[in-house]
């Protein structure tokens, strides 16, 4: 099979040949020129590997359809790295201790919402801190940027309002740092972290909700 460029070249040559002999009214010459051209082209391409158009490197099935979501995932990773490398920045987020979280779960009237940022599978294995809601930061870094309706459709419960106080935890305080950074970026001002997170909570005998 001839490649597309070869076929286009042949078509141009054939058209030129037909035009040059059109005034003589002799169509056999045009046919012979076309056949000769085809023969030469076929001989030139004989033995060459057929060129098959390759697929695009990134299909729409795997290409991120929302660049802002990818950006937020990168920012979450950045905030998390800060937690590992630099620790808490003064005056940015409130730091909660084990005893404060214990007091918080015993006072449901306080307008403070505990958010577990681990993946659902992790919660299924270990349980969670009582009253905590689950907003996984790794797979849903855009959770604080989407509309309230979309959030509720995704998770099955209303998103904490911006005037409420939120405190984040994860397994070891890394992902929760990323979630806190994203929440603050999205407009939440009363943001806190429990750096000890689940490892500290479980090691100190904190209550578990399953």
N, C-alpha and C. Protein backbone atom coordinates (compact mmCIF):
# COMPACT_ATOMS: atom_id res chain seq x y z
N UNK A 1 0.86 -1.20 0.00
CA UNK A 1 0.00 0.00 0.00
C UNK A 1 0.89 1.24 0.00
N UNK A 2 0.55 2.19 -0.87
CA UNK A 2 1.31 3.42 -0.96
C UNK A 2 1.00 4.34 0.21
N UNK A 3 2.00 5.06 0.60
CA UNK A 3 1.77 6.01 1.69
C UNK A 3 0.96 7.19 1.18
N UNK A 4 0.36 7.94 2.10
CA UNK A 4 -0.47 9.09 1.74
C UNK A 4 0.32 10.13 0.94
N UNK A 5 1.57 10.49 1.35
CA UNK A 5 2.33 11.47 0.56
C UNK A 5 2.57 11.01 -0.86
N UNK A 6 2.86 9.68 -1.03
CA UNK A 6 3.10 9.15 -2.37
C UNK A 6 1.86 9.25 -3.22
N UNK A 7 0.69 8.92 -2.62
CA UNK A 7 -0.56 9.01 -3.38
C UNK A 7 -0.86 10.43 -3.80
N UNK A 8 -0.57 11.40 -2.91
CA UNK A 8 -0.81 12.79 -3.26
C UNK A 8 0.10 13.24 -4.40
N UNK A 9 1.37 12.79 -4.38
CA UNK A 9 2.31 13.14 -5.45
C UNK A 9 1.84 12.57 -6.78
N UNK A 10 1.36 11.34 -6.75
CA UNK A 10 0.87 10.69 -7.97
C UNK A 10 -0.33 11.45 -8.53
N UNK A 11 -1.22 11.87 -7.62
CA UNK A 11 -2.40 12.59 -8.07
C UNK A 11 -2.02 13.89 -8.74
N UNK A 12 -1.03 14.60 -8.17
CA UNK A 12 -0.59 15.85 -8.77
C UNK A 12 0.04 15.62 -10.14
N UNK A 13 0.89 14.58 -10.25
CA UNK A 13 1.52 14.27 -11.53
C UNK A 13 0.50 13.88 -12.58
N UNK A 14 -0.48 13.10 -12.18
CA UNK A 14 -1.51 12.66 -13.12
C UNK A 14 -2.33 13.83 -13.61
N UNK A 15 -2.69 14.75 -12.71
CA UNK A 15 -3.47 15.91 -13.10
C UNK A 15 -2.68 16.79 -14.06
N UNK A 16 -1.37 16.91 -13.80
CA UNK A 16 -0.54 17.72 -14.69
C UNK A 16 -0.42 17.09 -16.07
N UNK A 17 -0.30 15.79 -16.09
CA UNK A 17 -0.19 15.10 -17.37
C UNK A 17 -1.47 15.23 -18.17
N UNK A 18 -2.60 15.07 -17.51
CA UNK A 18 -3.88 15.18 -18.20
C UNK A 18 -4.08 16.57 -18.75
N UNK A 19 -3.65 17.59 -18.01
CA UNK A 19 -3.80 18.96 -18.47
C UNK A 19 -2.94 19.23 -19.70
N UNK A 20 -1.73 18.66 -19.70
CA UNK A 20 -0.80 18.92 -20.80
C UNK A 20 -1.24 18.30 -22.09
N UNK A 21 -2.02 17.23 -22.04
CA UNK A 21 -2.45 16.56 -23.28
C UNK A 21 -3.91 16.80 -23.56
N UNK A 22 -4.56 17.60 -22.75
CA UNK A 22 -6.00 17.81 -22.91
C UNK A 22 -6.35 18.37 -24.27
N UNK A 23 -5.50 19.25 -24.84
CA UNK A 23 -5.82 19.89 -26.12
C UNK A 23 -5.76 18.92 -27.28
N UNK A 24 -5.07 17.79 -27.17
CA UNK A 24 -4.94 16.82 -28.27
C UNK A 24 -6.10 15.89 -28.33
N UNK A 25 -6.84 15.84 -27.17
CA UNK A 25 -7.99 14.93 -27.13
C UNK A 25 -7.59 13.48 -27.01
N UNK A 26 -6.34 13.18 -26.73
CA UNK A 26 -5.86 11.81 -26.63
C UNK A 26 -5.82 11.41 -25.16
N UNK A 27 -6.75 10.59 -24.73
CA UNK A 27 -6.80 10.18 -23.34
C UNK A 27 -5.86 9.04 -23.03
N UNK A 28 -5.44 8.27 -24.04
CA UNK A 28 -4.58 7.11 -23.78
C UNK A 28 -3.22 7.53 -23.27
N UNK A 29 -2.76 8.72 -23.72
CA UNK A 29 -1.47 9.20 -23.24
C UNK A 29 -1.53 9.50 -21.75
N UNK A 30 -2.66 10.16 -21.35
CA UNK A 30 -2.81 10.45 -19.92
C UNK A 30 -2.82 9.17 -19.13
N UNK A 31 -3.52 8.15 -19.64
CA UNK A 31 -3.57 6.89 -18.91
C UNK A 31 -2.21 6.25 -18.83
N UNK A 32 -1.43 6.32 -19.92
CA UNK A 32 -0.12 5.69 -19.89
C UNK A 32 0.82 6.41 -18.95
N UNK A 33 0.70 7.76 -18.95
CA UNK A 33 1.55 8.52 -18.02
C UNK A 33 1.20 8.17 -16.58
N UNK A 34 -0.12 8.06 -16.32
CA UNK A 34 -0.55 7.72 -14.97
C UNK A 34 -0.08 6.34 -14.58
N UNK A 35 -0.22 5.39 -15.46
CA UNK A 35 0.22 4.02 -15.17
C UNK A 35 1.72 3.95 -14.97
N UNK A 36 2.46 4.70 -15.80
CA UNK A 36 3.91 4.70 -15.65
C UNK A 36 4.31 5.31 -14.32
N UNK A 37 3.64 6.39 -13.99
CA UNK A 37 3.94 7.05 -12.71
C UNK A 37 3.63 6.14 -11.54
N UNK A 38 2.47 5.46 -11.63
CA UNK A 38 2.12 4.52 -10.57
C UNK A 38 3.15 3.41 -10.45
N UNK A 39 3.62 2.94 -11.62
CA UNK A 39 4.61 1.86 -11.58
C UNK A 39 5.90 2.28 -10.92
N UNK A 40 6.35 3.49 -11.27
CA UNK A 40 7.59 4.00 -10.66
C UNK A 40 7.42 4.19 -9.16
N UNK A 41 6.29 4.76 -8.79
CA UNK A 41 6.05 4.99 -7.36
C UNK A 41 5.99 3.69 -6.59
N UNK A 42 5.33 2.68 -7.19
CA UNK A 42 5.24 1.39 -6.53
C UNK A 42 6.61 0.75 -6.37
N UNK A 43 7.45 0.90 -7.43
CA UNK A 43 8.80 0.33 -7.35
C UNK A 43 9.63 1.04 -6.29
N UNK A 44 9.43 2.36 -6.20
CA UNK A 44 10.20 3.14 -5.22
C UNK A 44 9.84 2.78 -3.80
N UNK A 45 8.59 2.42 -3.59
CA UNK A 45 8.15 2.13 -2.22
C UNK A 45 8.15 0.65 -1.89
N UNK A 46 8.49 -0.19 -2.90
CA UNK A 46 8.52 -1.63 -2.67
C UNK A 46 9.53 -1.99 -1.60
N UNK A 47 9.13 -2.77 -0.67
CA UNK A 47 10.03 -3.21 0.39
C UNK A 47 10.08 -2.28 1.57
N UNK A 48 9.47 -1.09 1.39
CA UNK A 48 9.42 -0.18 2.54
C UNK A 48 8.30 -0.58 3.48
N UNK A 49 8.48 -0.34 4.73
CA UNK A 49 7.49 -0.68 5.73
C UNK A 49 6.32 0.28 5.63
N UNK A 50 5.12 -0.25 5.69
CA UNK A 50 3.93 0.59 5.64
C UNK A 50 3.89 1.52 6.83
N UNK A 51 3.60 2.77 6.55
CA UNK A 51 3.55 3.78 7.60
C UNK A 51 2.13 3.85 8.14
N UNK A 52 1.97 3.54 9.41
CA UNK A 52 0.67 3.58 10.05
C UNK A 52 0.65 4.74 11.02
N UNK A 53 -0.31 5.61 10.91
CA UNK A 53 -0.36 6.75 11.86
C UNK A 53 -0.38 6.26 13.29
N UNK A 54 0.46 6.87 14.09
CA UNK A 54 0.52 6.45 15.49
C UNK A 54 -0.53 7.19 16.30
N UNK A 55 -0.92 6.58 17.39
CA UNK A 55 -1.88 7.21 18.28
C UNK A 55 -1.21 8.33 19.05
N UNK A 56 -2.00 9.28 19.49
CA UNK A 56 -1.46 10.37 20.29
C UNK A 56 -0.89 9.84 21.59
N UNK A 57 0.15 10.51 22.04
CA UNK A 57 0.80 10.03 23.27
C UNK A 57 -0.15 10.05 24.45
N UNK A 58 -1.04 11.04 24.49
CA UNK A 58 -1.97 11.15 25.60
C UNK A 58 -3.38 11.14 25.06
N UNK A 59 -4.14 10.13 25.39
CA UNK A 59 -5.53 10.07 24.95
C UNK A 59 -6.39 10.85 25.92
N UNK A 60 -7.61 11.17 25.51
CA UNK A 60 -8.50 11.92 26.39
C UNK A 60 -8.90 11.10 27.60
N UNK A 61 -8.71 9.79 27.51
CA UNK A 61 -9.08 8.94 28.64
C UNK A 61 -8.12 9.10 29.81
N UNK A 62 -6.87 9.46 29.51
CA UNK A 62 -5.88 9.55 30.59
C UNK A 62 -5.41 10.98 30.82
N UNK A 63 -5.69 11.88 29.88
CA UNK A 63 -5.26 13.25 30.08
C UNK A 63 -6.13 13.92 31.13
N UNK A 64 -5.57 14.61 32.11
CA UNK A 64 -6.40 15.29 33.11
C UNK A 64 -7.35 16.26 32.43
N UNK A 65 -8.65 16.17 32.73
CA UNK A 65 -9.62 17.05 32.10
C UNK A 65 -9.81 18.35 32.87
N UNK A 66 -9.06 18.51 33.93
CA UNK A 66 -9.16 19.74 34.70
C UNK A 66 -7.78 20.09 35.24
N UNK A 67 -7.12 21.01 34.58
CA UNK A 67 -5.74 21.31 34.98
C UNK A 67 -5.67 21.91 36.37
N UNK A 68 -6.73 22.61 36.79
CA UNK A 68 -6.71 23.19 38.12
C UNK A 68 -6.69 22.11 39.19
N UNK A 69 -7.35 20.99 38.92
CA UNK A 69 -7.32 19.88 39.86
C UNK A 69 -5.91 19.32 39.99
N UNK A 70 -5.22 19.17 38.86
CA UNK A 70 -3.85 18.68 38.89
C UNK A 70 -2.95 19.66 39.64
N UNK A 71 -3.20 20.95 39.43
CA UNK A 71 -2.41 21.96 40.13
C UNK A 71 -2.62 21.88 41.63
N UNK A 72 -3.87 21.66 42.03
CA UNK A 72 -4.16 21.57 43.47
C UNK A 72 -3.54 20.34 44.08
N UNK A 73 -3.48 19.26 43.32
CA UNK A 73 -2.81 18.06 43.82
C UNK A 73 -1.33 18.34 44.05
N UNK A 74 -0.72 19.10 43.14
CA UNK A 74 0.68 19.46 43.32
C UNK A 74 0.86 20.37 44.52
N UNK A 75 -0.08 21.27 44.72
CA UNK A 75 0.01 22.16 45.88
C UNK A 75 -0.16 21.38 47.17
N UNK A 76 -1.05 20.41 47.16
CA UNK A 76 -1.24 19.59 48.35
C UNK A 76 0.06 18.87 48.69
N UNK A 77 0.74 18.37 47.65
CA UNK A 77 2.02 17.69 47.88
C UNK A 77 3.05 18.67 48.45
N UNK A 78 3.02 19.91 47.95
CA UNK A 78 3.95 20.92 48.45
C UNK A 78 3.71 21.20 49.92
N UNK A 79 2.44 21.42 50.28
CA UNK A 79 2.11 21.68 51.68
C UNK A 79 2.53 20.50 52.55
N UNK A 80 2.33 19.29 52.04
CA UNK A 80 2.68 18.09 52.80
C UNK A 80 4.18 18.01 53.01
N UNK A 81 4.96 18.37 51.99
CA UNK A 81 6.42 18.36 52.12
C UNK A 81 6.86 19.37 53.16
N UNK A 82 6.15 20.49 53.23
CA UNK A 82 6.46 21.48 54.26
C UNK A 82 6.31 20.88 55.65
N UNK A 83 5.28 20.06 55.80
CA UNK A 83 5.04 19.44 57.10
C UNK A 83 6.19 18.54 57.49
N UNK A 84 6.78 17.87 56.48
CA UNK A 84 7.89 16.97 56.78
C UNK A 84 9.20 17.74 56.99
N UNK A 85 9.40 18.79 56.18
CA UNK A 85 10.68 19.48 56.21
C UNK A 85 10.78 20.63 57.17
N UNK A 86 9.71 21.46 57.23
CA UNK A 86 9.80 22.70 58.01
C UNK A 86 8.91 22.72 59.24
N UNK A 87 7.90 21.86 59.25
CA UNK A 87 7.00 21.88 60.39
C UNK A 87 5.99 23.00 60.29
N UNK A 88 5.32 23.29 61.38
CA UNK A 88 4.24 24.27 61.40
C UNK A 88 4.77 25.69 61.33
N UNK A 89 4.13 26.51 60.49
CA UNK A 89 4.49 27.93 60.43
C UNK A 89 3.69 28.69 61.48
N UNK A 90 4.35 29.55 62.19
CA UNK A 90 3.70 30.31 63.25
C UNK A 90 2.61 31.20 62.68
N UNK A 91 1.48 31.23 63.38
CA UNK A 91 0.41 32.13 62.99
C UNK A 91 -0.40 31.71 61.79
N UNK A 92 -0.19 30.50 61.27
CA UNK A 92 -0.93 30.09 60.08
C UNK A 92 -2.12 29.22 60.44
N UNK A 93 -1.89 28.02 60.94
CA UNK A 93 -2.97 27.12 61.32
C UNK A 93 -2.88 26.79 62.81
N UNK A 94 -4.02 26.59 63.41
CA UNK A 94 -4.04 26.22 64.82
C UNK A 94 -3.61 24.77 64.96
N UNK A 95 -2.78 24.50 65.95
CA UNK A 95 -2.32 23.14 66.20
C UNK A 95 -3.10 22.55 67.36
N UNK A 96 -3.67 21.37 67.11
CA UNK A 96 -4.48 20.68 68.11
C UNK A 96 -3.70 19.51 68.70
N UNK A 97 -3.81 19.35 70.01
CA UNK A 97 -3.17 18.24 70.70
C UNK A 97 -4.19 17.13 70.95
N UNK A 98 -3.70 15.98 71.36
CA UNK A 98 -4.54 14.82 71.62
C UNK A 98 -5.67 15.15 72.60
N UNK A 99 -5.30 15.80 73.71
CA UNK A 99 -6.29 16.11 74.74
C UNK A 99 -7.37 17.06 74.22
N UNK A 100 -7.01 17.98 73.37
CA UNK A 100 -7.98 18.93 72.81
C UNK A 100 -8.95 18.22 71.87
N UNK A 101 -8.46 17.27 71.11
CA UNK A 101 -9.35 16.51 70.23
C UNK A 101 -10.31 15.67 71.06
N UNK A 102 -9.80 15.11 72.15
CA UNK A 102 -10.67 14.33 73.05
C UNK A 102 -11.81 15.20 73.58
N UNK A 103 -11.48 16.39 74.03
CA UNK A 103 -12.50 17.31 74.53
C UNK A 103 -13.48 17.70 73.44
N UNK A 104 -12.97 17.87 72.24
CA UNK A 104 -13.80 18.29 71.11
C UNK A 104 -14.87 17.25 70.78
N UNK A 105 -14.51 15.97 70.75
CA UNK A 105 -15.49 14.96 70.37
C UNK A 105 -16.55 14.74 71.45
N UNK A 106 -16.27 15.21 72.65
CA UNK A 106 -17.26 15.09 73.73
C UNK A 106 -18.17 16.30 73.81
N UNK A 107 -17.95 17.29 72.96
CA UNK A 107 -18.76 18.51 72.96
C UNK A 107 -19.29 18.75 71.55
N UNK A 108 -20.35 18.02 71.15
CA UNK A 108 -20.86 18.11 69.78
C UNK A 108 -21.45 19.46 69.42
N UNK A 109 -21.66 20.32 70.41
CA UNK A 109 -22.25 21.63 70.13
C UNK A 109 -21.23 22.64 69.62
N UNK A 110 -19.97 22.33 69.75
CA UNK A 110 -18.93 23.24 69.25
C UNK A 110 -18.94 23.24 67.73
N UNK A 111 -18.77 24.43 67.15
CA UNK A 111 -18.79 24.55 65.70
C UNK A 111 -17.40 24.27 65.12
N UNK A 112 -16.87 23.10 65.47
CA UNK A 112 -15.57 22.66 64.96
C UNK A 112 -15.77 21.30 64.31
N UNK A 113 -15.30 21.16 63.09
CA UNK A 113 -15.51 19.92 62.34
C UNK A 113 -14.17 19.22 62.15
N UNK A 114 -14.12 17.97 62.57
CA UNK A 114 -12.91 17.16 62.40
C UNK A 114 -12.97 16.50 61.03
N UNK A 115 -11.89 16.61 60.27
CA UNK A 115 -11.85 16.05 58.92
C UNK A 115 -10.70 15.07 58.79
N UNK A 116 -11.05 13.83 58.47
CA UNK A 116 -10.06 12.79 58.22
C UNK A 116 -9.72 12.82 56.73
N UNK A 117 -8.47 13.06 56.40
CA UNK A 117 -8.07 13.23 54.99
C UNK A 117 -7.50 11.96 54.37
N UNK A 118 -7.60 10.85 55.07
CA UNK A 118 -7.11 9.58 54.52
C UNK A 118 -8.09 9.04 53.47
N UNK A 119 -7.66 7.99 52.78
CA UNK A 119 -8.52 7.35 51.79
C UNK A 119 -9.55 6.46 52.48
N UNK A 120 -10.72 6.27 51.89
CA UNK A 120 -11.77 5.46 52.51
C UNK A 120 -11.31 4.07 52.93
N UNK A 121 -10.44 3.46 52.13
CA UNK A 121 -9.95 2.13 52.48
C UNK A 121 -9.18 2.11 53.78
N UNK A 122 -8.46 3.19 54.07
CA UNK A 122 -7.72 3.28 55.32
C UNK A 122 -8.67 3.36 56.50
N UNK A 123 -9.74 4.13 56.34
CA UNK A 123 -10.72 4.25 57.41
C UNK A 123 -11.42 2.92 57.65
N UNK A 124 -11.65 2.18 56.59
CA UNK A 124 -12.29 0.88 56.71
C UNK A 124 -11.43 -0.07 57.54
N UNK A 125 -10.11 0.06 57.40
CA UNK A 125 -9.20 -0.82 58.14
C UNK A 125 -9.03 -0.41 59.59
N UNK A 126 -8.97 0.89 59.86
CA UNK A 126 -8.62 1.35 61.20
C UNK A 126 -9.76 1.99 61.99
N UNK A 127 -10.80 2.45 61.28
CA UNK A 127 -11.80 3.28 61.93
C UNK A 127 -11.35 4.73 61.89
N UNK A 128 -12.11 5.61 62.54
CA UNK A 128 -11.81 7.03 62.53
C UNK A 128 -12.01 7.65 63.92
N UNK A 129 -11.56 8.85 64.08
CA UNK A 129 -11.85 9.59 65.30
C UNK A 129 -13.35 9.90 65.30
N UNK A 130 -14.04 9.65 66.40
CA UNK A 130 -15.49 9.89 66.45
C UNK A 130 -15.87 11.29 65.97
N UNK A 131 -16.96 11.37 65.23
CA UNK A 131 -17.58 12.58 64.65
C UNK A 131 -16.85 13.09 63.41
N UNK A 132 -15.69 12.50 63.07
CA UNK A 132 -14.93 13.00 61.92
C UNK A 132 -15.63 12.65 60.61
N UNK A 133 -15.53 13.57 59.65
CA UNK A 133 -16.00 13.29 58.30
C UNK A 133 -14.78 12.99 57.43
N UNK A 134 -15.00 12.30 56.33
CA UNK A 134 -13.89 11.88 55.47
C UNK A 134 -13.87 12.66 54.16
N UNK A 135 -12.78 13.43 53.97
CA UNK A 135 -12.55 14.12 52.70
C UNK A 135 -11.13 13.74 52.26
N UNK A 136 -10.98 12.72 51.44
CA UNK A 136 -9.64 12.25 51.05
C UNK A 136 -8.91 13.27 50.19
N UNK A 137 -7.77 13.72 50.65
CA UNK A 137 -7.05 14.79 49.96
C UNK A 137 -6.28 14.28 48.75
N UNK A 138 -5.82 13.03 48.78
CA UNK A 138 -5.01 12.52 47.68
C UNK A 138 -5.83 12.36 46.41
N UNK A 139 -7.00 11.79 46.51
CA UNK A 139 -7.83 11.55 45.33
C UNK A 139 -8.81 12.68 45.04
N UNK A 140 -9.03 13.57 45.98
CA UNK A 140 -9.97 14.69 45.77
C UNK A 140 -9.37 16.00 46.25
N UNK A 141 -8.27 16.44 45.63
CA UNK A 141 -7.64 17.69 46.09
C UNK A 141 -8.47 18.94 45.79
N UNK A 142 -9.49 18.79 44.94
CA UNK A 142 -10.32 19.95 44.57
C UNK A 142 -11.56 20.09 45.45
N UNK A 143 -11.65 19.32 46.51
CA UNK A 143 -12.88 19.26 47.30
C UNK A 143 -13.34 20.60 47.86
N UNK A 144 -12.40 21.48 48.14
CA UNK A 144 -12.77 22.78 48.72
C UNK A 144 -12.95 23.85 47.65
N UNK A 145 -12.84 23.46 46.39
CA UNK A 145 -12.96 24.42 45.30
C UNK A 145 -14.19 24.19 44.43
N UNK A 146 -14.73 22.99 44.44
CA UNK A 146 -15.92 22.69 43.65
C UNK A 146 -17.15 23.31 44.31
N UNK A 147 -18.27 23.29 43.60
CA UNK A 147 -19.50 23.87 44.17
C UNK A 147 -20.01 23.00 45.31
N UNK A 148 -20.86 23.59 46.14
CA UNK A 148 -21.42 22.84 47.28
C UNK A 148 -22.26 21.66 46.80
N UNK A 149 -23.01 21.88 45.71
CA UNK A 149 -23.84 20.79 45.18
C UNK A 149 -22.98 19.64 44.67
N UNK A 150 -21.91 19.97 43.96
CA UNK A 150 -21.02 18.93 43.44
C UNK A 150 -20.35 18.18 44.58
N UNK A 151 -19.98 18.92 45.62
CA UNK A 151 -19.36 18.28 46.78
C UNK A 151 -20.32 17.28 47.40
N UNK A 152 -21.56 17.69 47.60
CA UNK A 152 -22.54 16.80 48.24
C UNK A 152 -22.85 15.60 47.36
N UNK A 153 -22.87 15.80 46.05
CA UNK A 153 -23.09 14.67 45.14
C UNK A 153 -21.93 13.68 45.23
N UNK A 154 -20.74 14.20 45.41
CA UNK A 154 -19.55 13.34 45.43
C UNK A 154 -19.43 12.56 46.74
N UNK A 155 -19.67 13.22 47.87
CA UNK A 155 -19.41 12.61 49.16
C UNK A 155 -20.66 12.18 49.94
N UNK A 156 -21.80 12.72 49.59
CA UNK A 156 -23.02 12.31 50.27
C UNK A 156 -23.34 13.08 51.53
N UNK A 157 -22.62 14.18 51.78
CA UNK A 157 -22.92 15.02 52.95
C UNK A 157 -22.48 16.45 52.61
N UNK A 158 -23.06 17.44 53.30
CA UNK A 158 -22.73 18.84 53.00
C UNK A 158 -21.28 19.16 53.36
N UNK A 159 -20.70 20.07 52.61
CA UNK A 159 -19.35 20.52 52.92
C UNK A 159 -19.38 21.50 54.08
N UNK A 160 -18.38 21.47 54.94
CA UNK A 160 -18.32 22.46 56.04
C UNK A 160 -18.35 23.87 55.48
N UNK A 161 -19.12 24.73 56.11
CA UNK A 161 -19.22 26.12 55.65
C UNK A 161 -17.92 26.87 55.96
N UNK A 162 -17.72 27.96 55.27
CA UNK A 162 -16.48 28.72 55.43
C UNK A 162 -16.39 29.44 56.77
N UNK A 163 -17.52 29.59 57.45
CA UNK A 163 -17.47 30.24 58.76
C UNK A 163 -17.27 29.24 59.90
N UNK A 164 -17.23 27.95 59.56
CA UNK A 164 -16.99 26.93 60.59
C UNK A 164 -15.49 26.72 60.76
N UNK A 165 -15.13 26.20 61.92
CA UNK A 165 -13.72 25.88 62.18
C UNK A 165 -13.49 24.43 61.81
N UNK A 166 -12.40 24.18 61.12
CA UNK A 166 -12.09 22.81 60.68
C UNK A 166 -10.72 22.41 61.21
N UNK A 167 -10.60 21.13 61.57
CA UNK A 167 -9.31 20.60 62.00
C UNK A 167 -9.06 19.30 61.23
N UNK A 168 -7.89 19.22 60.62
CA UNK A 168 -7.55 18.10 59.75
C UNK A 168 -6.59 17.12 60.43
N UNK A 169 -6.77 15.85 60.10
CA UNK A 169 -5.78 14.85 60.50
C UNK A 169 -5.71 13.79 59.40
N UNK A 170 -4.66 12.98 59.43
CA UNK A 170 -4.51 11.89 58.47
C UNK A 170 -3.90 10.71 59.21
N UNK A 171 -2.87 10.12 58.67
CA UNK A 171 -2.20 9.02 59.37
C UNK A 171 -1.06 9.54 60.25
N UNK A 172 -0.25 10.43 59.67
CA UNK A 172 0.93 10.90 60.41
C UNK A 172 1.12 12.41 60.32
N UNK A 173 0.11 13.16 59.90
CA UNK A 173 0.20 14.60 59.88
C UNK A 173 0.73 15.23 58.61
N UNK A 174 0.96 14.42 57.58
CA UNK A 174 1.51 14.95 56.33
C UNK A 174 0.41 15.39 55.38
N UNK A 175 -0.50 14.47 55.06
CA UNK A 175 -1.61 14.83 54.17
C UNK A 175 -2.53 15.88 54.79
N UNK A 176 -2.68 15.83 56.10
CA UNK A 176 -3.53 16.83 56.75
C UNK A 176 -2.96 18.23 56.59
N UNK A 177 -1.65 18.33 56.55
CA UNK A 177 -1.01 19.63 56.30
C UNK A 177 -1.37 20.12 54.91
N UNK A 178 -1.35 19.22 53.93
CA UNK A 178 -1.72 19.59 52.57
C UNK A 178 -3.17 20.02 52.47
N UNK A 179 -4.06 19.29 53.15
CA UNK A 179 -5.49 19.62 53.13
C UNK A 179 -5.74 20.97 53.78
N UNK A 180 -5.06 21.25 54.87
CA UNK A 180 -5.22 22.53 55.55
C UNK A 180 -4.79 23.68 54.66
N UNK A 181 -3.69 23.49 53.94
CA UNK A 181 -3.22 24.52 53.03
C UNK A 181 -4.21 24.80 51.91
N UNK A 182 -4.79 23.75 51.36
CA UNK A 182 -5.76 23.92 50.29
C UNK A 182 -7.04 24.59 50.80
N UNK A 183 -7.49 24.21 51.98
CA UNK A 183 -8.69 24.82 52.55
C UNK A 183 -8.49 26.31 52.77
N UNK A 184 -7.33 26.67 53.27
CA UNK A 184 -7.04 28.09 53.49
C UNK A 184 -6.98 28.82 52.15
N UNK A 185 -6.40 28.18 51.16
CA UNK A 185 -6.32 28.78 49.83
C UNK A 185 -7.72 29.00 49.24
N UNK A 186 -8.65 28.10 49.57
CA UNK A 186 -10.01 28.18 49.04
C UNK A 186 -10.89 29.16 49.81
N UNK A 187 -10.39 29.73 50.90
CA UNK A 187 -11.16 30.74 51.60
C UNK A 187 -11.54 30.42 53.03
N UNK A 188 -11.20 29.24 53.53
CA UNK A 188 -11.47 28.91 54.93
C UNK A 188 -10.40 29.60 55.78
N UNK A 189 -10.82 30.23 56.84
CA UNK A 189 -9.89 30.99 57.67
C UNK A 189 -9.58 30.33 59.01
N UNK A 190 -10.57 29.66 59.57
CA UNK A 190 -10.35 29.00 60.88
C UNK A 190 -9.95 27.54 60.62
N UNK A 191 -8.66 27.38 60.36
CA UNK A 191 -8.13 26.08 59.94
C UNK A 191 -7.16 25.56 61.00
N UNK A 192 -7.31 24.30 61.34
CA UNK A 192 -6.41 23.68 62.32
C UNK A 192 -5.91 22.32 61.86
N UNK A 193 -4.88 21.85 62.54
CA UNK A 193 -4.28 20.54 62.24
C UNK A 193 -4.04 19.77 63.53
N UNK A 194 -4.17 18.48 63.42
CA UNK A 194 -3.78 17.57 64.50
C UNK A 194 -2.55 16.82 63.98
N UNK A 195 -1.34 17.34 64.22
CA UNK A 195 -0.13 16.77 63.64
C UNK A 195 0.12 15.31 64.02
N UNK A 196 -0.26 14.94 65.26
CA UNK A 196 -0.05 13.55 65.66
C UNK A 196 -0.91 12.60 64.86
N UNK A 197 -2.06 13.08 64.45
CA UNK A 197 -2.99 12.35 63.59
C UNK A 197 -3.30 10.95 64.12
N UNK A 198 -3.63 10.03 63.19
CA UNK A 198 -4.14 8.73 63.62
C UNK A 198 -3.12 7.93 64.43
N UNK A 199 -1.84 8.00 64.06
CA UNK A 199 -0.84 7.22 64.79
C UNK A 199 -0.79 7.63 66.26
N UNK A 200 -0.86 8.91 66.51
CA UNK A 200 -0.86 9.40 67.89
C UNK A 200 -2.16 9.04 68.60
N UNK A 201 -3.27 9.21 67.88
CA UNK A 201 -4.58 8.93 68.46
C UNK A 201 -4.69 7.46 68.89
N UNK A 202 -4.30 6.56 68.02
CA UNK A 202 -4.40 5.13 68.32
C UNK A 202 -3.42 4.71 69.40
N UNK A 203 -2.20 5.27 69.36
CA UNK A 203 -1.18 4.90 70.35
C UNK A 203 -1.58 5.34 71.75
N UNK A 204 -2.36 6.40 71.86
CA UNK A 204 -2.75 6.92 73.16
C UNK A 204 -4.15 6.48 73.59
N UNK A 205 -4.68 5.52 72.88
CA UNK A 205 -5.96 4.92 73.29
C UNK A 205 -7.17 5.76 73.04
N UNK A 206 -7.12 6.59 71.99
CA UNK A 206 -8.29 7.40 71.66
C UNK A 206 -9.46 6.55 71.19
N UNK A 207 -10.67 7.05 71.40
CA UNK A 207 -11.86 6.32 70.98
C UNK A 207 -11.88 6.17 69.46
N UNK A 208 -12.46 5.06 69.02
CA UNK A 208 -12.51 4.77 67.58
C UNK A 208 -13.96 4.57 67.14
N UNK A 209 -14.29 5.19 66.06
CA UNK A 209 -15.63 5.03 65.47
C UNK A 209 -15.51 4.25 64.16
N UNK A 210 -16.34 3.23 64.01
CA UNK A 210 -16.28 2.41 62.78
C UNK A 210 -17.62 2.45 62.06
